[in-house]
Amino acid sequence: MDDEFEKIYNSERDIWGDPQEYKGVKFYPILLRDSYLQDMFRKYLCFPKNYIRSEIEIIKSSYIKYILVYVCAFNKEDYVHFKSGLEEFLSKITRQKCIVKDTKIEHLDIYVYQVKIGDIVFDEQEFDTIRKIILKQSGISYNHIEDFDPDLEPALRHYERESENITLNDQVFSLSSLSGYLVTDEAMKDLTLYQFKQSFSRLALKFDYEMLYPLEVSGQIKSKNGNKITKSYLSHFEEKGRYDSILIKREDFMKTNPLMKDNNK
């Protein structure tokens, strides 16, 4: 999280499910029960932009211009329909009327985009900040989206299939059966996406810890490099990269493969 964004974003609000606030506008978190809003969130805010290295014009453009101009063109989306969907999504999570405005600069074939929420107007760069707020508030890091690499995606999908990647249905019923929540409980339905992901991750880590820790301390299992295998569910959660599960840092690889230092054999 960069310094400027850190001044705007209040992470403690995510713990309690409170809205984030930016320029006087409140952005309410998406709840577990809001499947329609979750679909809209993925549709409008989860397109990776920065991986298109060769298109300098796209890289330099704002995110809102990117999705309204380039994404609509690529997907053959109806521009008006796509724009009205984005307005509907923003209206629902701010609980205020939202209008996306595009204005052509006189004598130039260039459009400037603004988003008006209630009485507050946000420019293109400020919309980039709004996007970061909603991503983080929903338990998804900005880098997780923008680190997208089409060459690595097949390997990630293969890894997730091999490691029994679980669905939302699996997660909901697992959390329900192991935590005491009933699937029908209003309290569970009203968890924000951030709260749900944190709760499920902690619960999964707790069961891994309880199963593996006795084996590790008794010496029945150990890692090749001597590092701890089990991490306590009380530990601090570091933000993970999109491909951390399939990539290894060069220095870590060299430690476990010292012969590679011999003329790169």
C-alpha atoms as a PDB file:
ATOM      1  CA  MET A   1       0.000   0.000   0.000  1.00  0.00           C
ATOM      2  CA  ASP A   2       1.622   3.267  -1.101  1.00  0.00           C
ATOM      3  CA  ASP A   3       1.999   6.166   1.340  1.00  0.00           C
ATOM      4  CA  GLU A   4      -0.712   8.367  -0.190  1.00  0.00           C
ATOM      5  CA  PHE A   5      -3.239   5.543  -0.268  1.00  0.00           C
ATOM      6  CA  GLU A   6      -2.354   4.621   3.321  1.00  0.00           C
ATOM      7  CA  LYS A   7      -3.391   8.117   4.422  1.00  0.00           C
ATOM      8  CA  ILE A   8      -6.810   7.588   2.861  1.00  0.00           C
ATOM      9  CA  TYR A   9      -7.464   3.987   3.803  1.00  0.00           C
ATOM     10  CA  ASN A  10      -8.454   2.936   7.328  1.00  0.00           C
ATOM     11  CA  SER A  11      -7.805  -0.809   7.667  1.00  0.00           C
ATOM     12  CA  GLU A  12      -9.510  -0.996  11.068  1.00  0.00           C
ATOM     13  CA  ARG A  13     -12.843  -0.295   9.373  1.00  0.00           C
ATOM     14  CA  ASP A  14     -12.524  -3.602   7.517  1.00  0.00           C
ATOM     15  CA  ILE A  15     -12.345  -5.510  10.810  1.00  0.00           C
ATOM     16  CA  TRP A  16     -15.794  -4.306  11.842  1.00  0.00           C
ATOM     17  CA  GLY A  17     -17.333  -4.155   8.368  1.00  0.00           C
ATOM     18  CA  ASP A  18     -17.611  -0.372   8.399  1.00  0.00           C
ATOM     19  CA  PRO A  19     -17.525   1.674   5.169  1.00  0.00           C
ATOM     20  CA  GLN A  20     -14.372   3.362   3.913  1.00  0.00           C
ATOM     21  CA  GLU A  21     -14.612   7.110   3.287  1.00  0.00           C
ATOM     22  CA  TYR A  22     -12.993   9.160   0.522  1.00  0.00           C
ATOM     23  CA  LYS A  23     -13.682  12.845  -0.198  1.00  0.00           C
ATOM     24  CA  GLY A  24     -16.791  12.672   1.990  1.00  0.00           C
ATOM     25  CA  VAL A  25     -18.299   9.677   0.169  1.00  0.00           C
ATOM     26  CA  LYS A  26     -18.790   6.396   2.039  1.00  0.00           C
ATOM     27  CA  PHE A  27     -18.025   3.142   0.227  1.00  0.00           C
ATOM     28  CA  TYR A  28     -19.902   0.270   1.860  1.00  0.00           C
ATOM     29  CA  PRO A  29     -18.357  -3.233   1.813  1.00  0.00           C
ATOM     30  CA  ILE A  30     -19.883  -5.992  -0.294  1.00  0.00           C
ATOM     31  CA  LEU A  31     -21.499  -8.687   1.855  1.00  0.00           C
ATOM     32  CA  LEU A  32     -21.301 -12.443   1.458  1.00  0.00           C
ATOM     33  CA  ARG A  33     -25.022 -12.532   0.631  1.00  0.00           C
ATOM     34  CA  ASP A  34     -24.559  -9.986  -2.216  1.00  0.00           C
ATOM     35  CA  SER A  35     -23.773 -12.390  -5.060  1.00  0.00           C
ATOM     36  CA  TYR A  36     -25.136  -9.912  -7.625  1.00  0.00           C
ATOM     37  CA  LEU A  37     -22.817  -7.176  -6.374  1.00  0.00           C
ATOM     38  CA  GLN A  38     -19.902  -9.611  -6.317  1.00  0.00           C
ATOM     39  CA  ASP A  39     -20.472 -10.365  -9.996  1.00  0.00           C
ATOM     40  CA  MET A  40     -20.608  -6.640 -10.792  1.00  0.00           C
ATOM     41  CA  PHE A  41     -17.463  -6.034  -8.752  1.00  0.00           C
ATOM     42  CA  ARG A  42     -15.529  -8.624 -10.768  1.00  0.00           C
ATOM     43  CA  LYS A  43     -16.959  -7.348 -14.045  1.00  0.00           C
ATOM     44  CA  TYR A  44     -16.137  -3.670 -13.570  1.00  0.00           C
ATOM     45  CA  LEU A  45     -13.130  -3.457 -11.255  1.00  0.00           C
ATOM     46  CA  CYS A  46     -11.106  -6.638 -11.704  1.00  0.00           C
ATOM     47  CA  PHE A  47      -9.701  -6.206 -15.200  1.00  0.00           C
ATOM     48  CA  PRO A  48      -5.873  -6.220 -15.155  1.00  0.00           C
ATOM     49  CA  LYS A  49      -4.461  -3.253 -17.034  1.00  0.00           C
ATOM     50  CA  ASN A  50      -0.717  -3.022 -16.465  1.00  0.00           C
ATOM     51  CA  TYR A  51       0.284  -6.332 -18.039  1.00  0.00           C
ATOM     52  CA  ILE A  52      -0.221  -4.927 -21.563  1.00  0.00           C
ATOM     53  CA  ARG A  53       3.414  -3.808 -21.773  1.00  0.00           C
ATOM     54  CA  SER A  54       3.469  -2.825 -25.436  1.00  0.00           C
ATOM     55  CA  GLU A  55       0.466  -0.513 -25.354  1.00  0.00           C
ATOM     56  CA  ILE A  56       1.877   2.630 -23.728  1.00  0.00           C
ATOM     57  CA  GLU A  57      -1.381   4.502 -24.329  1.00  0.00           C
ATOM     58  CA  ILE A  58      -3.270   1.905 -22.286  1.00  0.00           C
ATOM     59  CA  ILE A  59      -0.705   1.790 -19.484  1.00  0.00           C
ATOM     60  CA  LYS A  60      -0.825   5.567 -19.083  1.00  0.00           C
ATOM     61  CA  SER A  61      -4.607   5.789 -19.268  1.00  0.00           C
ATOM     62  CA  SER A  62      -6.790   5.857 -16.175  1.00  0.00           C
ATOM     63  CA  TYR A  63      -8.612   2.677 -15.213  1.00  0.00           C
ATOM     64  CA  ILE A  64     -12.046   4.105 -16.011  1.00  0.00           C
ATOM     65  CA  LYS A  65     -10.935   5.105 -19.497  1.00  0.00           C
ATOM     66  CA  TYR A  66      -9.367   1.681 -19.916  1.00  0.00           C
ATOM     67  CA  ILE A  67     -12.558  -0.254 -19.142  1.00  0.00           C
ATOM     68  CA  LEU A  68     -14.920   2.100 -20.992  1.00  0.00           C
ATOM     69  CA  VAL A  69     -12.784   2.451 -24.131  1.00  0.00           C
ATOM     70  CA  TYR A  70     -10.456  -0.530 -24.480  1.00  0.00           C
ATOM     71  CA  VAL A  71     -12.331  -3.264 -22.609  1.00  0.00           C
ATOM     72  CA  CYS A  72     -15.643  -2.427 -24.254  1.00  0.00           C
ATOM     73  CA  ALA A  73     -13.954  -2.496 -27.658  1.00  0.00           C
ATOM     74  CA  PHE A  74     -12.196  -5.791 -26.940  1.00  0.00           C
ATOM     75  CA  ASN A  75     -15.304  -7.501 -25.554  1.00  0.00           C
ATOM     76  CA  LYS A  76     -17.648  -5.860 -28.052  1.00  0.00           C
ATOM     77  CA  GLU A  77     -19.596  -4.619 -25.037  1.00  0.00           C
ATOM     78  CA  ASP A  78     -22.255  -2.031 -25.629  1.00  0.00           C
ATOM     79  CA  TYR A  79     -20.681   1.154 -24.246  1.00  0.00           C
ATOM     80  CA  VAL A  80     -23.932   2.609 -22.915  1.00  0.00           C
ATOM     81  CA  HIS A  81     -24.917  -0.681 -21.257  1.00  0.00           C
ATOM     82  CA  PHE A  82     -21.474  -1.102 -19.690  1.00  0.00           C
ATOM     83  CA  LYS A  83     -21.410   2.494 -18.400  1.00  0.00           C
ATOM     84  CA  SER A  84     -24.896   2.209 -16.893  1.00  0.00           C
ATOM     85  CA  GLY A  85     -23.860  -1.043 -15.171  1.00  0.00           C
ATOM     86  CA  LEU A  86     -20.840   0.676 -13.629  1.00  0.00           C
ATOM     87  CA  GLU A  87     -23.097   3.527 -12.450  1.00  0.00           C
ATOM     88  CA  GLU A  88     -25.505   1.012 -10.894  1.00  0.00           C
ATOM     89  CA  PHE A  89     -22.676  -0.781  -9.079  1.00  0.00           C
ATOM     90  CA  LEU A  90     -21.215   2.450  -7.656  1.00  0.00           C
ATOM     91  CA  SER A  91     -24.686   3.665  -6.672  1.00  0.00           C
ATOM     92  CA  LYS A  92     -25.325   0.484  -4.691  1.00  0.00           C
ATOM     93  CA  ILE A  93     -22.043   0.484  -2.749  1.00  0.00           C
ATOM     94  CA  THR A  94     -22.209   4.232  -1.990  1.00  0.00           C
ATOM     95  CA  ARG A  95     -25.995   4.378  -1.523  1.00  0.00           C
ATOM     96  CA  GLN A  96     -26.025   7.552  -3.569  1.00  0.00           C
ATOM     97  CA  LYS A  97     -26.854   8.317  -7.179  1.00  0.00           C
ATOM     98  CA  CYS A  98     -23.814   7.903  -9.411  1.00  0.00           C
ATOM     99  CA  ILE A  99     -23.241   9.315 -12.899  1.00  0.00           C
ATOM    100  CA  VAL A 100     -20.269   8.561 -15.150  1.00  0.00           C
ATOM    101  CA  LYS A 101     -19.613  11.534 -17.421  1.00  0.00           C
ATOM    102  CA  ASP A 102     -17.502  11.614 -20.561  1.00  0.00           C
ATOM    103  CA  THR A 103     -16.609  15.019 -21.990  1.00  0.00           C
ATOM    104  CA  LYS A 104     -14.829  15.597 -25.286  1.00  0.00           C
ATOM    105  CA  ILE A 105     -12.063  18.197 -25.172  1.00  0.00           C
ATOM    106  CA  GLU A 106     -12.796  20.883 -27.735  1.00  0.00           C
ATOM    107  CA  HIS A 107     -10.746  20.639 -30.973  1.00  0.00           C
ATOM    108  CA  LEU A 108      -9.211  17.340 -29.815  1.00  0.00           C
ATOM    109  CA  ASP A 109     -10.396  13.765 -30.250  1.00  0.00           C
ATOM    110  CA  ILE A 110      -9.863  13.112 -26.537  1.00  0.00           C
ATOM    111  CA  TYR A 111     -12.429  12.325 -23.855  1.00  0.00           C
ATOM    112  CA  VAL A 112     -12.083  13.163 -20.162  1.00  0.00           C
ATOM    113  CA  TYR A 113     -13.995  11.007 -17.697  1.00  0.00           C
ATOM    114  CA  GLN A 114     -15.511  12.022 -14.374  1.00  0.00           C
ATOM    115  CA  VAL A 115     -17.596  10.159 -11.816  1.00  0.00           C
ATOM    116  CA  LYS A 116     -20.190  12.105  -9.854  1.00  0.00           C
ATOM    117  CA  ILE A 117     -21.404  10.433  -6.653  1.00  0.00           C
ATOM    118  CA  GLY A 118     -24.081  12.474  -4.933  1.00  0.00           C
ATOM    119  CA  ASP A 119     -22.699  16.013  -5.129  1.00  0.00           C
ATOM    120  CA  ILE A 120     -19.019  14.989  -5.204  1.00  0.00           C
ATOM    121  CA  VAL A 121     -17.111  14.807  -8.496  1.00  0.00           C
ATOM    122  CA  PHE A 122     -14.108  12.490  -8.895  1.00  0.00           C
ATOM    123  CA  ASP A 123     -11.639  12.807 -11.761  1.00  0.00           C
ATOM    124  CA  GLU A 124     -10.024   9.890 -13.578  1.00  0.00           C
ATOM    125  CA  GLN A 125      -7.065   9.576 -11.189  1.00  0.00           C
ATOM    126  CA  GLU A 126      -9.363   9.714  -8.162  1.00  0.00           C
ATOM    127  CA  PHE A 127     -11.403   6.880  -9.651  1.00  0.00           C
ATOM    128  CA  ASP A 128      -8.193   4.814  -9.651  1.00  0.00           C
ATOM    129  CA  THR A 129      -8.093   5.415  -5.888  1.00  0.00           C
ATOM    130  CA  ILE A 130     -11.762   4.425  -5.560  1.00  0.00           C
ATOM    131  CA  ARG A 131     -10.979   1.176  -7.346  1.00  0.00           C
ATOM    132  CA  LYS A 132      -8.083   0.436  -4.956  1.00  0.00           C
ATOM    133  CA  ILE A 133     -10.374   1.123  -1.981  1.00  0.00           C
ATOM    134  CA  ILE A 134     -13.058  -1.308  -3.169  1.00  0.00           C
ATOM    135  CA  LEU A 135     -10.508  -3.989  -4.076  1.00  0.00           C
ATOM    136  CA  LYS A 136      -8.781  -3.877  -0.689  1.00  0.00           C
ATOM    137  CA  GLN A 137     -12.087  -3.602   1.146  1.00  0.00           C
ATOM    138  CA  SER A 138     -13.172  -6.810  -0.611  1.00  0.00           C
ATOM    139  CA  GLY A 139     -10.052  -8.717   0.435  1.00  0.00           C
ATOM    140  CA  ILE A 140      -8.283  -8.481  -2.945  1.00  0.00           C
ATOM    141  CA  SER A 141      -5.025  -6.595  -3.280  1.00  0.00           C
ATOM    142  CA  TYR A 142      -4.431  -4.228  -6.179  1.00  0.00           C
ATOM    143  CA  ASN A 143      -1.243  -6.128  -7.033  1.00  0.00           C
ATOM    144  CA  HIS A 144      -3.120  -9.433  -7.164  1.00  0.00           C
ATOM    145  CA  ILE A 145      -5.089  -8.046 -10.112  1.00  0.00           C
ATOM    146  CA  GLU A 146      -2.339  -6.071 -11.806  1.00  0.00           C
ATOM    147  CA  ASP A 147       0.314  -8.812 -11.510  1.00  0.00           C
ATOM    148  CA  PHE A 148      -1.694 -10.819 -14.041  1.00  0.00           C
ATOM    149  CA  ASP A 149       0.602 -12.538 -16.532  1.00  0.00           C
ATOM    150  CA  PRO A 150      -1.063 -14.559 -19.324  1.00  0.00           C
ATOM    151  CA  ASP A 151       2.008 -16.825 -19.555  1.00  0.00           C
ATOM    152  CA  LEU A 152       1.711 -17.846 -15.891  1.00  0.00           C
ATOM    153  CA  GLU A 153      -2.073 -18.237 -15.694  1.00  0.00           C
ATOM    154  CA  PRO A 154      -2.194 -21.798 -17.138  1.00  0.00           C
ATOM    155  CA  ALA A 155       0.341 -22.969 -14.531  1.00  0.00           C
ATOM    156  CA  LEU A 156      -1.663 -21.305 -11.753  1.00  0.00           C
ATOM    157  CA  ARG A 157      -4.915 -22.889 -12.942  1.00  0.00           C
ATOM    158  CA  HIS A 158      -3.204 -26.297 -13.111  1.00  0.00           C
ATOM    159  CA  TYR A 159      -1.804 -25.892  -9.588  1.00  0.00           C
ATOM    160  CA  GLU A 160      -5.203 -24.908  -8.219  1.00  0.00           C
ATOM    161  CA  ARG A 161      -6.846 -27.955  -9.812  1.00  0.00           C
ATOM    162  CA  GLU A 162      -4.135 -30.260  -8.478  1.00  0.00           C
ATOM    163  CA  SER A 163      -4.347 -28.749  -4.973  1.00  0.00           C
ATOM    164  CA  GLU A 164      -8.115 -29.245  -4.823  1.00  0.00           C
ATOM    165  CA  ASN A 165      -9.004 -25.582  -5.220  1.00  0.00           C
ATOM    166  CA  ILE A 166     -12.281 -25.157  -3.353  1.00  0.00           C
ATOM    167  CA  THR A 167     -15.329 -23.226  -4.473  1.00  0.00           C
ATOM    168  CA  LEU A 168     -17.286 -20.573  -2.597  1.00  0.00           C
ATOM    169  CA  ASN A 169     -19.879 -23.262  -1.869  1.00  0.00           C
ATOM    170  CA  ASP A 170     -17.163 -25.406  -0.239  1.00  0.00           C
ATOM    171  CA  GLN A 171     -15.877 -22.454   1.777  1.00  0.00           C
ATOM    172  CA  VAL A 172     -19.304 -21.390   3.042  1.00  0.00           C
ATOM    173  CA  PHE A 173     -20.326 -24.851   4.223  1.00  0.00           C
ATOM    174  CA  SER A 174     -16.874 -25.579   5.674  1.00  0.00           C
ATOM    175  CA  LEU A 175     -16.952 -22.344   7.679  1.00  0.00           C
ATOM    176  CA  SER A 176     -20.505 -23.140   8.750  1.00  0.00           C
ATOM    177  CA  SER A 177     -19.773 -26.685   9.918  1.00  0.00           C
ATOM    178  CA  LEU A 178     -16.503 -25.871  11.669  1.00  0.00           C
ATOM    179  CA  SER A 179     -17.269 -22.517  13.267  1.00  0.00           C
ATOM    180  CA  GLY A 180     -20.738 -22.907  14.728  1.00  0.00           C
ATOM    181  CA  TYR A 181     -22.360 -20.611  12.191  1.00  0.00           C
ATOM    182  CA  LEU A 182     -25.457 -21.928  10.472  1.00  0.00           C
ATOM    183  CA  VAL A 183     -25.669 -21.248   6.759  1.00  0.00           C
ATOM    184  CA  THR A 184     -29.058 -19.672   7.439  1.00  0.00           C
ATOM    185  CA  ASP A 185     -27.673 -17.349  10.141  1.00  0.00           C
ATOM    186  CA  GLU A 186     -28.107 -13.681   9.267  1.00  0.00           C
ATOM    187  CA  ALA A 187     -24.755 -12.986  10.954  1.00  0.00           C
ATOM    188  CA  MET A 188     -22.976 -15.232   8.468  1.00  0.00           C
ATOM    189  CA  LYS A 189     -24.777 -13.771   5.471  1.00  0.00           C
ATOM    190  CA  ASP A 190     -23.849 -10.294   6.655  1.00  0.00           C
ATOM    191  CA  LEU A 191     -20.103 -10.973   6.780  1.00  0.00           C
ATOM    192  CA  THR A 192     -18.229  -8.718   4.404  1.00  0.00           C
ATOM    193  CA  LEU A 193     -16.041 -10.384   1.783  1.00  0.00           C
ATOM    194  CA  TYR A 194     -12.986  -9.304   3.786  1.00  0.00           C
ATOM    195  CA  GLN A 195     -14.362 -10.746   7.043  1.00  0.00           C
ATOM    196  CA  PHE A 196     -15.354 -13.995   5.350  1.00  0.00           C
ATOM    197  CA  LYS A 197     -11.940 -14.483   3.705  1.00  0.00           C
ATOM    198  CA  GLN A 198     -10.107 -13.718   6.933  1.00  0.00           C
ATOM    199  CA  SER A 199     -12.337 -16.059   8.959  1.00  0.00           C
ATOM    200  CA  PHE A 200     -12.048 -18.922   6.499  1.00  0.00           C
ATOM    201  CA  SER A 201      -8.257 -18.542   6.106  1.00  0.00           C
ATOM    202  CA  ARG A 202      -7.730 -18.532   9.876  1.00  0.00           C
ATOM    203  CA  LEU A 203      -9.952 -21.554  10.330  1.00  0.00           C
ATOM    204  CA  ALA A 204      -8.159 -23.520   7.595  1.00  0.00           C
ATOM    205  CA  LEU A 205      -4.769 -22.577   9.052  1.00  0.00           C
ATOM    206  CA  LYS A 206      -5.934 -23.612  12.539  1.00  0.00           C
ATOM    207  CA  PHE A 207      -6.747 -27.137  11.385  1.00  0.00           C
ATOM    208  CA  ASP A 208      -3.496 -27.442   9.429  1.00  0.00           C
ATOM    209  CA  TYR A 209      -1.597 -26.276  12.507  1.00  0.00           C
ATOM    210  CA  GLU A 210      -3.318 -28.692  14.863  1.00  0.00           C
ATOM    211  CA  MET A 211      -2.611 -31.583  12.505  1.00  0.00           C
ATOM    212  CA  LEU A 212       0.993 -30.788  11.478  1.00  0.00           C
ATOM    213  CA  TYR A 213       2.522 -29.079  14.512  1.00  0.00           C
ATOM    214  CA  PRO A 214       2.721 -32.246  16.694  1.00  0.00           C
ATOM    215  CA  LEU A 215       4.425 -34.065  13.784  1.00  0.00           C
ATOM    216  CA  GLU A 216       6.919 -31.223  13.335  1.00  0.00           C
ATOM    217  CA  VAL A 217       7.933 -30.894  17.011  1.00  0.00           C
ATOM    218  CA  SER A 218       8.302 -34.685  17.283  1.00  0.00           C
ATOM    219  CA  GLY A 219      10.614 -34.700  14.271  1.00  0.00           C
ATOM    220  CA  GLN A 220       8.345 -36.866  12.135  1.00  0.00           C
ATOM    221  CA  ILE A 221       8.263 -34.181   9.438  1.00  0.00           C
ATOM    222  CA  LYS A 222      10.709 -31.396   8.623  1.00  0.00           C
ATOM    223  CA  SER A 223      11.511 -29.069   5.744  1.00  0.00           C
ATOM    224  CA  LYS A 224      14.586 -29.448   3.535  1.00  0.00           C
ATOM    225  CA  ASN A 225      15.903 -25.964   4.336  1.00  0.00           C
ATOM    226  CA  GLY A 226      15.247 -26.129   8.076  1.00  0.00           C
ATOM    227  CA  ASN A 227      12.467 -23.524   8.045  1.00  0.00           C
ATOM    228  CA  LYS A 228       9.321 -24.033  10.091  1.00  0.00           C
ATOM    229  CA  ILE A 229       6.603 -25.893   8.238  1.00  0.00           C
ATOM    230  CA  THR A 230       3.621 -24.923  10.352  1.00  0.00           C
ATOM    231  CA  LYS A 231       2.494 -21.366  10.903  1.00  0.00           C
ATOM    232  CA  SER A 232       0.294 -20.528  13.866  1.00  0.00           C
ATOM    233  CA  TYR A 233      -3.212 -19.329  13.046  1.00  0.00           C
ATOM    234  CA  LEU A 234      -2.463 -16.437  15.446  1.00  0.00           C
ATOM    235  CA  SER A 235       0.314 -15.182  13.158  1.00  0.00           C
ATOM    236  CA  HIS A 236       0.174 -11.992  11.140  1.00  0.00           C
ATOM    237  CA  PHE A 237      -1.062 -12.584   7.594  1.00  0.00           C
ATOM    238  CA  GLU A 238       1.233 -11.145   4.936  1.00  0.00           C
ATOM    239  CA  GLU A 239      -0.327 -10.071   1.661  1.00  0.00           C
ATOM    240  CA  LYS A 240       0.418 -12.757  -0.920  1.00  0.00           C
ATOM    241  CA  GLY A 241       1.257 -12.218  -4.565  1.00  0.00           C
ATOM    242  CA  ARG A 242      -0.882 -13.689  -7.325  1.00  0.00           C
ATOM    243  CA  TYR A 243       1.707 -16.346  -8.202  1.00  0.00           C
ATOM    244  CA  ASP A 244       3.320 -17.020  -4.818  1.00  0.00           C
ATOM    245  CA  SER A 245       1.908 -20.546  -4.832  1.00  0.00           C
ATOM    246  CA  ILE A 246       3.748 -21.530  -8.037  1.00  0.00           C
ATOM    247  CA  LEU A 247       6.866 -19.328  -8.015  1.00  0.00           C
ATOM    248  CA  ILE A 248       9.920 -19.385  -5.752  1.00  0.00           C
ATOM    249  CA  LYS A 249      12.262 -16.484  -5.112  1.00  0.00           C
ATOM    250  CA  ARG A 250      15.665 -16.876  -6.720  1.00  0.00           C
ATOM    251  CA  GLU A 251      17.534 -16.561  -3.401  1.00  0.00           C
ATOM    252  CA  ASP A 252      15.334 -19.241  -1.797  1.00  0.00           C
ATOM    253  CA  PHE A 253      15.885 -21.572  -4.742  1.00  0.00           C
ATOM    254  CA  MET A 254      19.652 -21.084  -4.533  1.00  0.00           C
ATOM    255  CA  LYS A 255      19.642 -21.923  -0.814  1.00  0.00           C
ATOM    256  CA  THR A 256      17.927 -25.254  -1.403  1.00  0.00           C
ATOM    257  CA  ASN A 257      19.891 -25.981  -4.595  1.00  0.00           C
ATOM    258  CA  PRO A 258      23.509 -24.970  -3.811  1.00  0.00           C
ATOM    259  CA  LEU A 259      24.910 -26.861  -6.796  1.00  0.00           C
ATOM    260  CA  MET A 260      23.265 -24.293  -9.065  1.00  0.00           C
ATOM    261  CA  LYS A 261      25.977 -21.867  -7.969  1.00  0.00           C
ATOM    262  CA  ASP A 262      28.604 -23.979  -9.777  1.00  0.00           C
ATOM    263  CA  ASN A 263      28.574 -22.240 -13.167  1.00  0.00           C
ATOM    264  CA  ASN A 264      24.775 -22.464 -13.210  1.00  0.00           C
ATOM    265  CA  LYS A 265      24.853 -26.239 -13.703  1.00  0.00           C
END
